[in-house]
Amino acid sequence: MLIMTEVAAEKVKAIMKSEGTPEDHGLRVRVMGGGCSGFQYQLAFDTAKEGDEIVEQNGVKLMVDPKSLLYLVGTEVDYADGLSGSGFTLKNPNTKGTCGCGQSFQA
């Protein structure tokens, strides 16, 4: 399914704590239509829904709906903090291409 690095997990836990996110929530990773290449990722704190694939890694619950899972198998969720900015990154082995800005992908 998905792989979450320790760095990303620590950042998720810190954000959840600072926002007062309830303990029964986890990180939902979705694929949605849009962006200049056709698909884009969405990350949000949520509770599990019926049919979700759920995995806990590094103390964070990750949830993916069945439709999104088709595009996300083997994807690594990481967090980068550098000179050009900081944020979550998804390294998806299933993409056929990405846009110039890196915010959307082709499947």
C-alpha atoms as a PDB file:
ATOM      1  CA  MET A   1       0.000   0.000   0.000  1.00  0.00           C
ATOM      2  CA  LEU A   2       1.572   3.311   1.125  1.00  0.00           C
ATOM      3  CA  ILE A   3       4.869   3.896   2.864  1.00  0.00           C
ATOM      4  CA  MET A   4       5.313   6.830   5.244  1.00  0.00           C
ATOM      5  CA  THR A   5       8.804   7.941   6.208  1.00  0.00           C
ATOM      6  CA  GLU A   6       9.652   8.698   9.824  1.00  0.00           C
ATOM      7  CA  VAL A   7      10.205  12.361   8.926  1.00  0.00           C
ATOM      8  CA  ALA A   8       6.728  12.631   7.378  1.00  0.00           C
ATOM      9  CA  ALA A   9       5.125  10.803  10.309  1.00  0.00           C
ATOM     10  CA  GLU A  10       6.716  13.152  12.837  1.00  0.00           C
ATOM     11  CA  LYS A  11       5.485  16.167  10.841  1.00  0.00           C
ATOM     12  CA  VAL A  12       1.946  14.721  10.620  1.00  0.00           C
ATOM     13  CA  LYS A  13       1.887  14.090  14.379  1.00  0.00           C
ATOM     14  CA  ALA A  14       3.133  17.626  15.080  1.00  0.00           C
ATOM     15  CA  ILE A  15       0.483  19.189  12.810  1.00  0.00           C
ATOM     16  CA  MET A  16      -2.276  17.029  14.294  1.00  0.00           C
ATOM     17  CA  LYS A  17      -1.229  18.065  17.801  1.00  0.00           C
ATOM     18  CA  SER A  18      -1.007  21.777  16.956  1.00  0.00           C
ATOM     19  CA  GLU A  19      -4.430  21.713  15.259  1.00  0.00           C
ATOM     20  CA  GLY A  20      -6.049  19.713  18.059  1.00  0.00           C
ATOM     21  CA  THR A  21      -7.010  16.899  15.683  1.00  0.00           C
ATOM     22  CA  PRO A  22      -8.934  14.130  17.511  1.00  0.00           C
ATOM     23  CA  GLU A  23      -6.995  10.949  18.228  1.00  0.00           C
ATOM     24  CA  ASP A  24      -9.354   8.796  16.133  1.00  0.00           C
ATOM     25  CA  HIS A  25      -8.271  10.692  12.989  1.00  0.00           C
ATOM     26  CA  GLY A  26      -5.480   9.796  10.617  1.00  0.00           C
ATOM     27  CA  LEU A  27      -4.085  11.021   7.328  1.00  0.00           C
ATOM     28  CA  ARG A  28      -6.281  10.389   4.306  1.00  0.00           C
ATOM     29  CA  VAL A  29      -4.420  10.253   0.989  1.00  0.00           C
ATOM     30  CA  ARG A  30      -6.621  10.658  -2.099  1.00  0.00           C
ATOM     31  CA  VAL A  31      -6.210  10.934  -5.833  1.00  0.00           C
ATOM     32  CA  MET A  32      -8.544  13.386  -7.500  1.00  0.00           C
ATOM     33  CA  GLY A  33      -9.030  14.516 -11.071  1.00  0.00           C
ATOM     34  CA  GLY A  34      -7.459  17.868 -11.816  1.00  0.00           C
ATOM     35  CA  GLY A  35      -4.198  19.676 -12.264  1.00  0.00           C
ATOM     36  CA  CYS A  36      -2.440  20.176 -15.553  1.00  0.00           C
ATOM     37  CA  SER A  37      -1.541  16.472 -15.920  1.00  0.00           C
ATOM     38  CA  GLY A  38      -4.937  14.973 -15.075  1.00  0.00           C
ATOM     39  CA  PHE A  39      -4.646  13.821 -11.456  1.00  0.00           C
ATOM     40  CA  GLN A  40      -3.600  15.418  -8.199  1.00  0.00           C
ATOM     41  CA  TYR A  41      -3.082  14.321  -4.617  1.00  0.00           C
ATOM     42  CA  GLN A  42      -5.093  15.444  -1.623  1.00  0.00           C
ATOM     43  CA  LEU A  43      -3.991  14.998   1.990  1.00  0.00           C
ATOM     44  CA  ALA A  44      -6.422  15.619   4.837  1.00  0.00           C
ATOM     45  CA  PHE A  45      -7.056  14.552   8.409  1.00  0.00           C
ATOM     46  CA  ASP A  46     -10.108  12.318   8.540  1.00  0.00           C
ATOM     47  CA  THR A  47     -11.669   9.246  10.139  1.00  0.00           C
ATOM     48  CA  ALA A  48     -11.801   5.866   8.452  1.00  0.00           C
ATOM     49  CA  LYS A  49     -14.707   5.163   6.102  1.00  0.00           C
ATOM     50  CA  GLU A  50     -16.185   1.843   5.072  1.00  0.00           C
ATOM     51  CA  GLY A  51     -14.049   0.218   2.395  1.00  0.00           C
ATOM     52  CA  ASP A  52     -10.874   2.174   3.222  1.00  0.00           C
ATOM     53  CA  GLU A  53      -7.506   0.492   3.165  1.00  0.00           C
ATOM     54  CA  ILE A  54      -5.922   1.382   6.511  1.00  0.00           C
ATOM     55  CA  VAL A  55      -2.314   0.974   7.582  1.00  0.00           C
ATOM     56  CA  GLU A  56      -0.441   2.392  10.562  1.00  0.00           C
ATOM     57  CA  GLN A  57       3.174   3.386  10.084  1.00  0.00           C
ATOM     58  CA  ASN A  58       5.463   5.232  12.466  1.00  0.00           C
ATOM     59  CA  GLY A  59       2.510   6.011  14.735  1.00  0.00           C
ATOM     60  CA  VAL A  60       0.296   7.518  12.020  1.00  0.00           C
ATOM     61  CA  LYS A  61      -2.843   5.924  10.599  1.00  0.00           C
ATOM     62  CA  LEU A  62      -2.975   6.203   6.779  1.00  0.00           C
ATOM     63  CA  MET A  63      -6.305   5.751   5.008  1.00  0.00           C
ATOM     64  CA  VAL A  64      -6.951   5.330   1.291  1.00  0.00           C
ATOM     65  CA  ASP A  65     -10.264   4.787  -0.463  1.00  0.00           C
ATOM     66  CA  PRO A  66     -10.434   1.856  -2.926  1.00  0.00           C
ATOM     67  CA  LYS A  67     -10.498   4.068  -6.036  1.00  0.00           C
ATOM     68  CA  SER A  68      -7.422   6.075  -4.994  1.00  0.00           C
ATOM     69  CA  LEU A  69      -5.580   2.916  -3.960  1.00  0.00           C
ATOM     70  CA  LEU A  70      -5.437   1.849  -7.622  1.00  0.00           C
ATOM     71  CA  TYR A  71      -3.098   4.803  -8.257  1.00  0.00           C
ATOM     72  CA  LEU A  72      -1.184   4.788  -4.968  1.00  0.00           C
ATOM     73  CA  VAL A  73       0.155   1.252  -4.453  1.00  0.00           C
ATOM     74  CA  GLY A  74       3.811   1.529  -3.447  1.00  0.00           C
ATOM     75  CA  THR A  75       3.746   5.318  -3.027  1.00  0.00           C
ATOM     76  CA  GLU A  76       6.068   6.856  -0.427  1.00  0.00           C
ATOM     77  CA  VAL A  77       4.836   9.834   1.592  1.00  0.00           C
ATOM     78  CA  ASP A  78       7.742  11.990   2.734  1.00  0.00           C
ATOM     79  CA  TYR A  79       8.316  15.502   4.054  1.00  0.00           C
ATOM     80  CA  ALA A  80      10.997  17.788   2.633  1.00  0.00           C
ATOM     81  CA  ASP A  81      12.246  20.990   4.211  1.00  0.00           C
ATOM     82  CA  GLY A  82      14.680  22.870   2.023  1.00  0.00           C
ATOM     83  CA  LEU A  83      15.678  26.184   0.506  1.00  0.00           C
ATOM     84  CA  SER A  84      13.037  25.988  -2.203  1.00  0.00           C
ATOM     85  CA  GLY A  85      10.243  25.320   0.277  1.00  0.00           C
ATOM     86  CA  SER A  86       8.849  22.675   2.525  1.00  0.00           C
ATOM     87  CA  GLY A  87       5.967  20.268   2.317  1.00  0.00           C
ATOM     88  CA  PHE A  88       4.824  16.714   1.858  1.00  0.00           C
ATOM     89  CA  THR A  89       6.014  14.855  -1.215  1.00  0.00           C
ATOM     90  CA  LEU A  90       4.612  11.693  -2.758  1.00  0.00           C
ATOM     91  CA  LYS A  91       6.972   9.424  -4.680  1.00  0.00           C
ATOM     92  CA  ASN A  92       4.595   7.373  -6.793  1.00  0.00           C
ATOM     93  CA  PRO A  93       6.052   4.528  -8.902  1.00  0.00           C
ATOM     94  CA  ASN A  94       2.797   4.280 -10.895  1.00  0.00           C
ATOM     95  CA  THR A  95       2.929   7.666 -12.619  1.00  0.00           C
ATOM     96  CA  LYS A  96       3.643   7.992 -16.326  1.00  0.00           C
ATOM     97  CA  GLY A  97       4.582  11.670 -16.033  1.00  0.00           C
ATOM     98  CA  THR A  98       4.220  14.802 -13.952  1.00  0.00           C
ATOM     99  CA  CYS A  99       3.603  18.442 -14.724  1.00  0.00           C
ATOM    100  CA  GLY A 100       6.303  21.096 -14.561  1.00  0.00           C
ATOM    101  CA  CYS A 101       5.184  22.364 -11.146  1.00  0.00           C
ATOM    102  CA  GLY A 102       5.126  18.834  -9.689  1.00  0.00           C
ATOM    103  CA  GLN A 103       1.609  19.200  -8.292  1.00  0.00           C
ATOM    104  CA  SER A 104      -0.177  16.773 -10.636  1.00  0.00           C
ATOM    105  CA  PHE A 105       0.559  13.543 -12.488  1.00  0.00           C
ATOM    106  CA  GLN A 106      -0.464  11.260 -15.341  1.00  0.00           C
ATOM    107  CA  ALA A 107      -1.497   7.678 -14.679  1.00  0.00           C
END
